[in-house]
N, C-alpha and C. Protein backbone atom coordinates (compact mmCIF):
# COMPACT_ATOMS: atom_id res chain seq x y z
N MET A 1 23.49 10.14 24.97
CA MET A 1 23.90 10.37 23.57
C MET A 1 22.92 9.67 22.65
N SER A 2 22.34 10.40 21.71
CA SER A 2 21.31 9.82 20.85
C SER A 2 21.92 9.12 19.64
N THR A 3 21.22 8.14 19.16
CA THR A 3 21.59 7.41 17.95
C THR A 3 20.50 7.61 16.91
N ALA A 4 20.91 7.90 15.69
CA ALA A 4 19.96 8.04 14.59
C ALA A 4 19.82 6.69 13.89
N LEU A 5 18.62 6.18 13.86
CA LEU A 5 18.33 4.95 13.13
C LEU A 5 17.54 5.32 11.88
N LEU A 6 18.07 4.99 10.72
CA LEU A 6 17.42 5.24 9.44
C LEU A 6 16.77 3.93 9.02
N LEU A 7 15.48 3.84 9.19
CA LEU A 7 14.75 2.59 8.94
C LEU A 7 14.27 2.55 7.50
N ALA A 8 14.50 1.43 6.83
CA ALA A 8 14.04 1.26 5.46
C ALA A 8 13.40 -0.11 5.30
N ARG A 9 12.26 -0.12 4.68
CA ARG A 9 11.66 -1.39 4.26
C ARG A 9 12.42 -1.87 3.01
N HIS A 10 12.54 -3.17 2.87
CA HIS A 10 13.22 -3.74 1.70
C HIS A 10 12.50 -3.35 0.40
N GLY A 11 13.16 -3.59 -0.73
CA GLY A 11 12.57 -3.31 -2.04
C GLY A 11 11.41 -4.24 -2.37
N GLN A 12 10.72 -3.89 -3.43
CA GLN A 12 9.54 -4.64 -3.86
C GLN A 12 9.89 -6.08 -4.24
N THR A 13 9.01 -7.00 -3.86
CA THR A 13 9.11 -8.39 -4.30
C THR A 13 7.91 -8.73 -5.18
N VAL A 14 7.94 -9.89 -5.78
CA VAL A 14 6.81 -10.31 -6.62
C VAL A 14 5.52 -10.35 -5.80
N TRP A 15 5.59 -10.88 -4.59
CA TRP A 15 4.39 -10.98 -3.77
C TRP A 15 3.87 -9.61 -3.37
N HIS A 16 4.77 -8.69 -3.07
CA HIS A 16 4.31 -7.37 -2.67
C HIS A 16 3.70 -6.63 -3.85
N ALA A 17 4.22 -6.87 -5.04
CA ALA A 17 3.63 -6.25 -6.23
C ALA A 17 2.19 -6.70 -6.40
N GLU A 18 1.87 -7.91 -5.91
CA GLU A 18 0.52 -8.46 -6.00
C GLU A 18 -0.26 -8.29 -4.70
N ASN A 19 0.33 -7.56 -3.74
CA ASN A 19 -0.28 -7.30 -2.44
C ASN A 19 -0.49 -8.58 -1.63
N ARG A 20 0.46 -9.53 -1.78
CA ARG A 20 0.39 -10.77 -1.03
C ARG A 20 1.27 -10.67 0.21
N TYR A 21 0.85 -11.30 1.28
CA TYR A 21 1.62 -11.28 2.52
C TYR A 21 2.88 -12.13 2.36
N ALA A 22 4.02 -11.51 2.63
CA ALA A 22 5.30 -12.23 2.61
C ALA A 22 5.95 -12.04 3.98
N GLY A 23 5.89 -13.07 4.79
CA GLY A 23 6.49 -13.01 6.12
C GLY A 23 7.74 -13.84 6.19
N VAL A 24 7.57 -15.12 6.52
CA VAL A 24 8.72 -16.02 6.67
C VAL A 24 9.23 -16.54 5.32
N SER A 25 8.44 -16.40 4.27
CA SER A 25 8.87 -16.89 2.96
C SER A 25 10.01 -16.02 2.42
N ASP A 26 10.95 -16.66 1.74
CA ASP A 26 12.11 -15.95 1.20
C ASP A 26 11.82 -15.60 -0.26
N ILE A 27 11.29 -14.42 -0.49
CA ILE A 27 10.84 -14.01 -1.81
C ILE A 27 11.82 -12.99 -2.38
N ALA A 28 12.24 -13.20 -3.63
CA ALA A 28 13.26 -12.35 -4.24
C ALA A 28 12.71 -10.99 -4.65
N LEU A 29 13.60 -10.03 -4.81
CA LEU A 29 13.23 -8.71 -5.30
C LEU A 29 12.86 -8.77 -6.78
N THR A 30 11.94 -7.91 -7.17
CA THR A 30 11.65 -7.71 -8.59
C THR A 30 12.70 -6.76 -9.19
N ASP A 31 12.61 -6.54 -10.49
CA ASP A 31 13.48 -5.52 -11.12
C ASP A 31 13.23 -4.16 -10.47
N THR A 32 11.97 -3.86 -10.18
CA THR A 32 11.66 -2.61 -9.49
C THR A 32 12.29 -2.58 -8.11
N GLY A 33 12.23 -3.69 -7.41
CA GLY A 33 12.84 -3.77 -6.09
C GLY A 33 14.34 -3.57 -6.13
N ARG A 34 14.99 -4.13 -7.14
CA ARG A 34 16.44 -3.93 -7.27
C ARG A 34 16.77 -2.47 -7.59
N ALA A 35 15.93 -1.84 -8.40
CA ALA A 35 16.12 -0.41 -8.69
C ALA A 35 15.93 0.42 -7.42
N GLN A 36 14.97 0.05 -6.60
CA GLN A 36 14.76 0.75 -5.34
C GLN A 36 15.98 0.58 -4.42
N ALA A 37 16.55 -0.61 -4.42
CA ALA A 37 17.76 -0.85 -3.62
C ALA A 37 18.91 0.03 -4.09
N GLU A 38 19.06 0.16 -5.40
CA GLU A 38 20.12 1.02 -5.94
C GLU A 38 19.88 2.48 -5.54
N ALA A 39 18.63 2.91 -5.55
CA ALA A 39 18.31 4.28 -5.14
C ALA A 39 18.66 4.48 -3.66
N LEU A 40 18.39 3.48 -2.84
CA LEU A 40 18.76 3.56 -1.43
C LEU A 40 20.29 3.64 -1.29
N GLY A 41 20.99 2.92 -2.14
CA GLY A 41 22.45 2.99 -2.13
C GLY A 41 22.95 4.40 -2.48
N ARG A 42 22.32 5.03 -3.46
CA ARG A 42 22.71 6.40 -3.81
C ARG A 42 22.41 7.36 -2.66
N TRP A 43 21.27 7.15 -2.00
CA TRP A 43 20.93 7.98 -0.85
C TRP A 43 21.99 7.81 0.24
N ALA A 44 22.40 6.58 0.50
CA ALA A 44 23.40 6.33 1.54
C ALA A 44 24.74 6.98 1.19
N ALA A 45 25.09 6.97 -0.09
CA ALA A 45 26.33 7.62 -0.50
C ALA A 45 26.31 9.11 -0.20
N ALA A 46 25.13 9.73 -0.33
CA ALA A 46 24.99 11.17 -0.06
C ALA A 46 24.72 11.48 1.41
N HIS A 47 24.28 10.48 2.17
CA HIS A 47 23.96 10.66 3.59
C HIS A 47 24.61 9.51 4.38
N PRO A 48 25.94 9.50 4.49
CA PRO A 48 26.65 8.33 5.02
C PRO A 48 26.20 7.91 6.42
N VAL A 49 26.27 6.62 6.63
CA VAL A 49 25.97 6.04 7.94
C VAL A 49 27.20 5.30 8.45
N ASP A 50 27.18 5.02 9.75
CA ASP A 50 28.32 4.35 10.37
C ASP A 50 28.22 2.83 10.28
N ALA A 51 27.02 2.34 10.11
CA ALA A 51 26.81 0.89 10.08
C ALA A 51 25.51 0.59 9.35
N VAL A 52 25.42 -0.64 8.85
CA VAL A 52 24.21 -1.12 8.19
C VAL A 52 23.80 -2.44 8.84
N TRP A 53 22.57 -2.49 9.28
CA TRP A 53 22.01 -3.71 9.85
C TRP A 53 20.81 -4.14 9.01
N THR A 54 20.62 -5.45 8.90
CA THR A 54 19.46 -5.97 8.18
C THR A 54 18.87 -7.15 8.94
N SER A 55 17.66 -7.52 8.53
CA SER A 55 17.14 -8.80 8.99
C SER A 55 17.94 -9.92 8.30
N THR A 56 17.65 -11.13 8.66
CA THR A 56 18.35 -12.27 8.07
C THR A 56 17.69 -12.77 6.80
N VAL A 57 16.66 -12.08 6.32
CA VAL A 57 15.91 -12.49 5.14
C VAL A 57 16.56 -11.89 3.89
N SER A 58 16.66 -12.67 2.81
CA SER A 58 17.46 -12.26 1.66
C SER A 58 16.97 -10.98 1.01
N ARG A 59 15.65 -10.70 1.03
CA ARG A 59 15.18 -9.49 0.38
C ARG A 59 15.67 -8.23 1.10
N ALA A 60 15.85 -8.32 2.41
CA ALA A 60 16.40 -7.19 3.16
C ALA A 60 17.91 -7.07 2.93
N ILE A 61 18.60 -8.20 2.91
CA ILE A 61 20.05 -8.19 2.68
C ILE A 61 20.36 -7.63 1.30
N ALA A 62 19.59 -8.06 0.29
CA ALA A 62 19.82 -7.58 -1.08
C ALA A 62 19.53 -6.09 -1.20
N THR A 63 18.53 -5.60 -0.47
CA THR A 63 18.20 -4.17 -0.52
C THR A 63 19.31 -3.33 0.08
N ALA A 64 19.97 -3.84 1.11
CA ALA A 64 21.05 -3.09 1.77
C ALA A 64 22.36 -3.14 1.00
N GLU A 65 22.51 -4.10 0.10
CA GLU A 65 23.81 -4.33 -0.54
C GLU A 65 24.36 -3.11 -1.27
N PRO A 66 23.55 -2.38 -2.08
CA PRO A 66 24.10 -1.20 -2.75
C PRO A 66 24.60 -0.13 -1.78
N ALA A 67 23.92 0.04 -0.65
CA ALA A 67 24.38 1.01 0.35
C ALA A 67 25.70 0.56 0.95
N CYS A 68 25.81 -0.72 1.25
CA CYS A 68 27.08 -1.25 1.78
C CYS A 68 28.20 -1.06 0.77
N ARG A 69 27.92 -1.33 -0.48
CA ARG A 69 28.92 -1.16 -1.53
C ARG A 69 29.36 0.29 -1.65
N ALA A 70 28.40 1.21 -1.59
CA ALA A 70 28.72 2.63 -1.73
C ALA A 70 29.57 3.14 -0.58
N LEU A 71 29.37 2.57 0.61
CA LEU A 71 30.04 3.07 1.81
C LEU A 71 31.21 2.20 2.26
N GLY A 72 31.44 1.09 1.57
CA GLY A 72 32.52 0.20 1.97
C GLY A 72 32.25 -0.50 3.30
N LEU A 73 30.99 -0.80 3.56
CA LEU A 73 30.60 -1.45 4.80
C LEU A 73 30.11 -2.87 4.54
N THR A 74 30.12 -3.68 5.56
CA THR A 74 29.53 -5.01 5.52
C THR A 74 28.31 -5.00 6.43
N SER A 75 27.19 -5.44 5.90
CA SER A 75 25.98 -5.42 6.72
C SER A 75 26.07 -6.41 7.86
N ARG A 76 25.47 -6.05 8.96
CA ARG A 76 25.36 -6.93 10.12
C ARG A 76 23.92 -7.40 10.19
N ARG A 77 23.70 -8.64 10.57
CA ARG A 77 22.37 -9.23 10.48
C ARG A 77 21.81 -9.54 11.85
N GLU A 78 20.52 -9.28 11.98
CA GLU A 78 19.82 -9.45 13.24
C GLU A 78 18.54 -10.25 13.00
N ALA A 79 18.50 -11.46 13.55
CA ALA A 79 17.36 -12.35 13.32
C ALA A 79 16.06 -11.77 13.85
N ASP A 80 16.11 -10.96 14.90
CA ASP A 80 14.89 -10.42 15.49
C ASP A 80 14.28 -9.30 14.66
N LEU A 81 14.94 -8.93 13.54
CA LEU A 81 14.36 -7.96 12.61
C LEU A 81 13.59 -8.63 11.48
N ARG A 82 13.47 -9.96 11.50
CA ARG A 82 12.75 -10.66 10.45
C ARG A 82 11.28 -10.26 10.47
N GLU A 83 10.61 -10.46 9.35
CA GLU A 83 9.19 -10.13 9.26
C GLU A 83 8.36 -11.08 10.12
N CYS A 84 7.15 -10.65 10.45
CA CYS A 84 6.21 -11.50 11.17
C CYS A 84 5.83 -12.71 10.33
N ASP A 85 5.51 -13.79 11.00
CA ASP A 85 4.92 -14.96 10.35
C ASP A 85 3.41 -14.71 10.25
N PHE A 86 2.88 -14.72 9.02
CA PHE A 86 1.47 -14.39 8.82
C PHE A 86 0.55 -15.61 8.80
N GLY A 87 1.06 -16.76 9.19
CA GLY A 87 0.21 -17.93 9.33
C GLY A 87 -0.48 -18.32 8.03
N VAL A 88 -1.81 -18.49 8.09
CA VAL A 88 -2.54 -19.04 6.94
C VAL A 88 -2.61 -18.07 5.75
N VAL A 89 -2.29 -16.79 5.95
CA VAL A 89 -2.35 -15.87 4.81
C VAL A 89 -0.99 -15.69 4.13
N GLU A 90 0.03 -16.41 4.59
CA GLU A 90 1.32 -16.32 3.92
C GLU A 90 1.16 -16.63 2.43
N GLY A 91 1.60 -15.70 1.60
CA GLY A 91 1.50 -15.88 0.15
C GLY A 91 0.13 -15.56 -0.43
N ARG A 92 -0.78 -15.09 0.40
CA ARG A 92 -2.14 -14.79 -0.05
C ARG A 92 -2.45 -13.33 0.20
N THR A 93 -3.53 -12.84 -0.40
CA THR A 93 -3.98 -11.48 -0.17
C THR A 93 -5.04 -11.49 0.93
N LEU A 94 -5.25 -10.33 1.52
CA LEU A 94 -6.31 -10.21 2.53
C LEU A 94 -7.67 -10.46 1.89
N ALA A 95 -7.85 -10.04 0.64
CA ALA A 95 -9.12 -10.27 -0.04
C ALA A 95 -9.39 -11.77 -0.22
N GLU A 96 -8.36 -12.54 -0.55
CA GLU A 96 -8.52 -13.99 -0.69
C GLU A 96 -8.92 -14.61 0.64
N PHE A 97 -8.27 -14.16 1.72
CA PHE A 97 -8.61 -14.69 3.04
C PHE A 97 -10.03 -14.31 3.42
N ALA A 98 -10.43 -13.07 3.12
CA ALA A 98 -11.77 -12.61 3.46
C ALA A 98 -12.84 -13.41 2.72
N ALA A 99 -12.55 -13.81 1.51
CA ALA A 99 -13.52 -14.62 0.75
C ALA A 99 -13.70 -15.99 1.39
N GLU A 100 -12.66 -16.49 2.03
CA GLU A 100 -12.70 -17.81 2.66
C GLU A 100 -13.27 -17.74 4.07
N ASP A 101 -12.90 -16.69 4.82
CA ASP A 101 -13.30 -16.58 6.22
C ASP A 101 -13.61 -15.11 6.54
N PRO A 102 -14.78 -14.63 6.10
CA PRO A 102 -15.09 -13.20 6.25
C PRO A 102 -15.10 -12.72 7.70
N LYS A 103 -15.55 -13.55 8.65
CA LYS A 103 -15.60 -13.12 10.04
C LYS A 103 -14.20 -12.91 10.60
N ALA A 104 -13.29 -13.82 10.30
CA ALA A 104 -11.92 -13.67 10.79
C ALA A 104 -11.24 -12.46 10.16
N ALA A 105 -11.52 -12.23 8.88
CA ALA A 105 -10.92 -11.08 8.20
C ALA A 105 -11.46 -9.78 8.80
N GLN A 106 -12.75 -9.75 9.10
CA GLN A 106 -13.34 -8.56 9.70
C GLN A 106 -12.75 -8.30 11.09
N ALA A 107 -12.56 -9.37 11.85
CA ALA A 107 -11.97 -9.23 13.19
C ALA A 107 -10.54 -8.71 13.09
N PHE A 108 -9.77 -9.20 12.11
CA PHE A 108 -8.41 -8.72 11.91
C PHE A 108 -8.40 -7.24 11.57
N ARG A 109 -9.29 -6.83 10.67
CA ARG A 109 -9.33 -5.42 10.29
C ARG A 109 -9.69 -4.54 11.48
N ALA A 110 -10.56 -5.03 12.36
CA ALA A 110 -10.99 -4.24 13.52
C ALA A 110 -9.87 -4.13 14.56
N ASP A 111 -9.15 -5.21 14.79
CA ASP A 111 -8.06 -5.21 15.77
C ASP A 111 -7.07 -6.30 15.38
N PRO A 112 -6.02 -5.95 14.60
CA PRO A 112 -5.10 -6.96 14.11
C PRO A 112 -4.19 -7.56 15.17
N VAL A 113 -4.16 -6.96 16.35
CA VAL A 113 -3.35 -7.51 17.44
C VAL A 113 -4.16 -8.50 18.26
N ALA A 114 -5.39 -8.16 18.59
CA ALA A 114 -6.26 -9.08 19.34
C ALA A 114 -6.71 -10.25 18.48
N HIS A 115 -6.78 -10.03 17.15
CA HIS A 115 -7.28 -11.07 16.24
C HIS A 115 -6.33 -11.26 15.05
N PRO A 116 -5.11 -11.74 15.31
CA PRO A 116 -4.18 -11.99 14.19
C PRO A 116 -4.68 -13.15 13.34
N PHE A 117 -4.06 -13.33 12.19
CA PHE A 117 -4.45 -14.43 11.32
C PHE A 117 -4.21 -15.77 12.01
N PRO A 118 -5.03 -16.78 11.72
CA PRO A 118 -4.80 -18.11 12.29
C PRO A 118 -3.39 -18.61 11.98
N GLY A 119 -2.72 -19.08 13.01
CA GLY A 119 -1.37 -19.62 12.85
C GLY A 119 -0.28 -18.58 12.77
N ALA A 120 -0.64 -17.29 12.90
CA ALA A 120 0.35 -16.22 12.77
C ALA A 120 1.09 -16.00 14.09
N GLU A 121 2.24 -15.36 13.98
CA GLU A 121 2.99 -14.94 15.16
C GLU A 121 2.16 -13.89 15.93
N ASP A 122 2.21 -13.95 17.24
CA ASP A 122 1.54 -12.94 18.05
C ASP A 122 2.18 -11.58 17.77
N PRO A 123 1.41 -10.60 17.28
CA PRO A 123 2.00 -9.30 16.98
C PRO A 123 2.70 -8.65 18.17
N ARG A 124 2.25 -8.94 19.37
CA ARG A 124 2.89 -8.37 20.56
C ARG A 124 4.30 -8.95 20.73
N SER A 125 4.45 -10.23 20.43
CA SER A 125 5.78 -10.84 20.50
C SER A 125 6.70 -10.28 19.43
N ALA A 126 6.14 -10.08 18.22
CA ALA A 126 6.94 -9.51 17.14
C ALA A 126 7.39 -8.10 17.49
N ALA A 127 6.47 -7.30 18.04
CA ALA A 127 6.81 -5.93 18.44
C ALA A 127 7.91 -5.94 19.51
N ALA A 128 7.81 -6.85 20.45
CA ALA A 128 8.80 -6.90 21.54
C ALA A 128 10.18 -7.28 21.02
N ARG A 129 10.25 -8.28 20.14
CA ARG A 129 11.56 -8.68 19.64
C ARG A 129 12.17 -7.61 18.74
N GLY A 130 11.33 -6.99 17.90
CA GLY A 130 11.84 -5.95 17.02
C GLY A 130 12.29 -4.71 17.78
N THR A 131 11.52 -4.34 18.79
CA THR A 131 11.89 -3.19 19.61
C THR A 131 13.19 -3.44 20.34
N ALA A 132 13.32 -4.62 20.92
CA ALA A 132 14.56 -4.96 21.62
C ALA A 132 15.75 -4.94 20.66
N ALA A 133 15.54 -5.40 19.43
CA ALA A 133 16.63 -5.40 18.45
C ALA A 133 17.08 -3.98 18.12
N LEU A 134 16.13 -3.08 17.90
CA LEU A 134 16.50 -1.70 17.59
C LEU A 134 17.19 -1.03 18.78
N ARG A 135 16.77 -1.33 19.98
CA ARG A 135 17.44 -0.76 21.15
C ARG A 135 18.87 -1.30 21.27
N ARG A 136 19.06 -2.57 20.96
CA ARG A 136 20.42 -3.13 21.00
C ARG A 136 21.31 -2.46 19.95
N ILE A 137 20.75 -2.27 18.76
CA ILE A 137 21.52 -1.63 17.69
C ILE A 137 21.87 -0.19 18.07
N ALA A 138 20.91 0.54 18.62
CA ALA A 138 21.19 1.92 19.04
C ALA A 138 22.26 1.96 20.12
N ALA A 139 22.19 1.04 21.06
CA ALA A 139 23.18 1.01 22.14
C ALA A 139 24.57 0.67 21.62
N ALA A 140 24.64 -0.10 20.52
CA ALA A 140 25.94 -0.48 19.96
C ALA A 140 26.60 0.64 19.17
N HIS A 141 25.82 1.69 18.86
CA HIS A 141 26.35 2.80 18.04
C HIS A 141 25.97 4.14 18.66
N PRO A 142 26.39 4.41 19.90
CA PRO A 142 26.01 5.66 20.56
C PRO A 142 26.52 6.87 19.77
N GLY A 143 25.62 7.80 19.51
CA GLY A 143 25.99 8.99 18.76
C GLY A 143 26.13 8.78 17.27
N GLY A 144 25.85 7.57 16.79
CA GLY A 144 26.07 7.26 15.38
C GLY A 144 24.81 7.34 14.55
N ARG A 145 25.00 7.04 13.26
CA ARG A 145 23.91 6.94 12.29
C ARG A 145 23.93 5.53 11.73
N VAL A 146 22.79 4.86 11.78
CA VAL A 146 22.73 3.45 11.39
C VAL A 146 21.56 3.23 10.44
N LEU A 147 21.83 2.62 9.30
CA LEU A 147 20.78 2.21 8.36
C LEU A 147 20.32 0.81 8.76
N VAL A 148 19.00 0.67 8.92
CA VAL A 148 18.41 -0.62 9.30
C VAL A 148 17.39 -1.00 8.23
N VAL A 149 17.62 -2.11 7.55
CA VAL A 149 16.72 -2.57 6.50
C VAL A 149 15.94 -3.78 7.01
N ALA A 150 14.63 -3.62 7.07
CA ALA A 150 13.79 -4.70 7.61
C ALA A 150 12.48 -4.76 6.84
N HIS A 151 11.35 -4.88 7.55
CA HIS A 151 10.10 -5.29 6.92
C HIS A 151 8.91 -4.45 7.36
N ASN A 152 7.89 -4.41 6.51
CA ASN A 152 6.76 -3.51 6.65
C ASN A 152 6.00 -3.67 7.96
N THR A 153 5.44 -4.84 8.20
CA THR A 153 4.62 -5.01 9.40
C THR A 153 5.47 -4.95 10.66
N LEU A 154 6.61 -5.60 10.65
CA LEU A 154 7.49 -5.59 11.82
C LEU A 154 7.86 -4.15 12.19
N LEU A 155 8.27 -3.35 11.21
CA LEU A 155 8.68 -1.98 11.52
C LEU A 155 7.50 -1.13 11.98
N ARG A 156 6.32 -1.34 11.44
CA ARG A 156 5.16 -0.57 11.89
C ARG A 156 4.80 -0.89 13.34
N LEU A 157 4.87 -2.16 13.70
CA LEU A 157 4.63 -2.55 15.08
C LEU A 157 5.68 -1.93 16.00
N VAL A 158 6.94 -1.95 15.57
CA VAL A 158 8.01 -1.41 16.39
C VAL A 158 7.88 0.10 16.55
N LEU A 159 7.50 0.80 15.48
CA LEU A 159 7.28 2.23 15.58
C LEU A 159 6.21 2.53 16.63
N CYS A 160 5.12 1.78 16.61
CA CYS A 160 4.08 1.98 17.62
C CYS A 160 4.64 1.73 19.02
N SER A 161 5.38 0.66 19.18
CA SER A 161 5.93 0.32 20.49
C SER A 161 6.85 1.41 21.00
N LEU A 162 7.74 1.89 20.17
CA LEU A 162 8.73 2.90 20.59
C LEU A 162 8.10 4.26 20.83
N LEU A 163 7.02 4.57 20.11
CA LEU A 163 6.41 5.90 20.19
C LEU A 163 5.20 5.97 21.12
N GLY A 164 4.90 4.85 21.79
CA GLY A 164 3.80 4.84 22.74
C GLY A 164 2.42 4.83 22.10
N ILE A 165 2.33 4.32 20.89
CA ILE A 165 1.06 4.20 20.18
C ILE A 165 0.51 2.79 20.40
N PRO A 166 -0.76 2.63 20.72
CA PRO A 166 -1.30 1.27 20.91
C PRO A 166 -1.02 0.38 19.69
N LEU A 167 -0.53 -0.81 19.94
CA LEU A 167 -0.16 -1.70 18.83
C LEU A 167 -1.33 -1.97 17.90
N ALA A 168 -2.54 -2.02 18.45
CA ALA A 168 -3.72 -2.32 17.63
C ALA A 168 -3.95 -1.27 16.55
N GLU A 169 -3.30 -0.11 16.68
CA GLU A 169 -3.49 0.98 15.73
C GLU A 169 -2.46 0.98 14.61
N TYR A 170 -1.59 -0.03 14.55
CA TYR A 170 -0.46 0.06 13.61
C TYR A 170 -0.90 0.15 12.15
N ARG A 171 -1.98 -0.51 11.77
CA ARG A 171 -2.41 -0.46 10.36
C ARG A 171 -3.06 0.89 10.03
N ARG A 172 -3.66 1.53 11.02
CA ARG A 172 -4.31 2.82 10.78
C ARG A 172 -3.31 3.97 10.82
N VAL A 173 -2.44 3.97 11.83
CA VAL A 173 -1.49 5.08 12.00
C VAL A 173 -0.38 5.02 10.96
N PHE A 174 0.07 3.81 10.66
CA PHE A 174 1.11 3.62 9.65
C PHE A 174 0.58 2.67 8.57
N PRO A 175 -0.23 3.17 7.64
CA PRO A 175 -0.86 2.30 6.65
C PRO A 175 0.15 1.49 5.84
N ARG A 176 1.30 2.10 5.55
CA ARG A 176 2.28 1.38 4.73
C ARG A 176 3.62 2.09 4.82
N LEU A 177 4.67 1.31 4.96
CA LEU A 177 6.02 1.85 4.77
C LEU A 177 6.39 1.57 3.32
N ARG A 178 6.74 2.60 2.59
CA ARG A 178 7.05 2.42 1.17
C ARG A 178 8.37 1.68 1.01
N ASN A 179 8.45 0.90 -0.04
CA ASN A 179 9.66 0.13 -0.31
C ASN A 179 10.86 1.06 -0.45
N ALA A 180 11.91 0.78 0.34
CA ALA A 180 13.20 1.46 0.27
C ALA A 180 13.12 2.95 0.59
N ALA A 181 12.01 3.42 1.14
CA ALA A 181 11.94 4.78 1.66
C ALA A 181 12.55 4.79 3.07
N VAL A 182 12.95 5.96 3.52
CA VAL A 182 13.68 6.07 4.79
C VAL A 182 12.85 6.81 5.82
N SER A 183 12.81 6.25 7.02
CA SER A 183 12.18 6.90 8.17
C SER A 183 13.25 7.05 9.25
N GLU A 184 13.36 8.23 9.84
CA GLU A 184 14.43 8.48 10.80
C GLU A 184 13.90 8.52 12.23
N LEU A 185 14.52 7.71 13.07
CA LEU A 185 14.26 7.71 14.50
C LEU A 185 15.50 8.22 15.23
N ARG A 186 15.28 8.91 16.33
CA ARG A 186 16.37 9.23 17.27
C ARG A 186 16.06 8.51 18.57
N ILE A 187 17.00 7.68 19.01
CA ILE A 187 16.83 6.95 20.26
C ILE A 187 17.90 7.40 21.24
N GLU A 188 17.46 7.81 22.41
CA GLU A 188 18.37 8.20 23.48
C GLU A 188 17.84 7.60 24.77
N GLY A 189 18.51 6.57 25.24
CA GLY A 189 18.01 5.86 26.41
C GLY A 189 16.64 5.27 26.12
N GLU A 190 15.68 5.62 26.96
CA GLU A 190 14.31 5.12 26.78
C GLU A 190 13.46 6.04 25.91
N SER A 191 14.04 7.15 25.49
CA SER A 191 13.28 8.13 24.70
C SER A 191 13.46 7.90 23.21
N THR A 192 12.38 8.04 22.46
CA THR A 192 12.41 7.87 21.01
C THR A 192 11.66 9.03 20.36
N ALA A 193 12.24 9.56 19.29
CA ALA A 193 11.57 10.61 18.51
C ALA A 193 11.56 10.19 17.04
N LEU A 194 10.44 10.41 16.38
CA LEU A 194 10.31 10.16 14.96
C LEU A 194 10.53 11.47 14.22
N LEU A 195 11.61 11.55 13.44
CA LEU A 195 11.96 12.80 12.77
C LEU A 195 11.44 12.86 11.33
N SER A 196 11.30 11.71 10.69
CA SER A 196 10.75 11.68 9.33
C SER A 196 10.18 10.32 9.06
N LEU A 197 9.26 10.26 8.08
CA LEU A 197 8.57 9.01 7.76
C LEU A 197 8.43 8.87 6.26
N ASN A 198 8.82 7.72 5.74
CA ASN A 198 8.54 7.38 4.34
C ASN A 198 9.15 8.38 3.34
N VAL A 199 10.36 8.85 3.62
CA VAL A 199 11.01 9.77 2.70
C VAL A 199 11.58 8.98 1.53
N PRO A 200 11.12 9.23 0.31
CA PRO A 200 11.60 8.43 -0.83
C PRO A 200 13.05 8.76 -1.18
N CYS A 201 13.74 7.77 -1.70
CA CYS A 201 15.10 7.98 -2.20
C CYS A 201 15.01 8.29 -3.67
N PRO A 202 15.51 9.45 -4.11
CA PRO A 202 15.37 9.83 -5.51
C PRO A 202 16.20 8.94 -6.43
């Protein structure tokens, strides 16, 4: 029995508006981010789900809140859906890092899994924990529809893992998950299908 997972990246934050890496830092939504969350809530009202799961980070919880309110649900939280720790680039842009350490930045661009940022979480570990979390959520809701609100890099790594795409390709194959847009996965046992990607909520 397949489970539909509706994956959404959280709404815009101040750091994301400036293209800064926000991993473990708890950064609040902007006014635009809150509007995106409300749009996701309206989408959920028109496309009901059986459950809502989020990471434990406040920007994901706040993004899911309008959907929970519209559907009368309480979000469930999963620590393994948190964003990756970006090490020395936390709160900084890639351009700022490249100006400081051009060789490391070039290596990251060439293969972000083999050459993650100094002090960052191993992307392979992040992919493994995120993938396991989505499989647990799917198993908990057989035949259901579940909204999952999490994070850009974590979800891109997980999509590669579930779809059999080399992790090193995550930045090329999935350049960006748009804030509060919905991507639909179907998970049935060990099989995963991607039905839609980055569908905006009107």
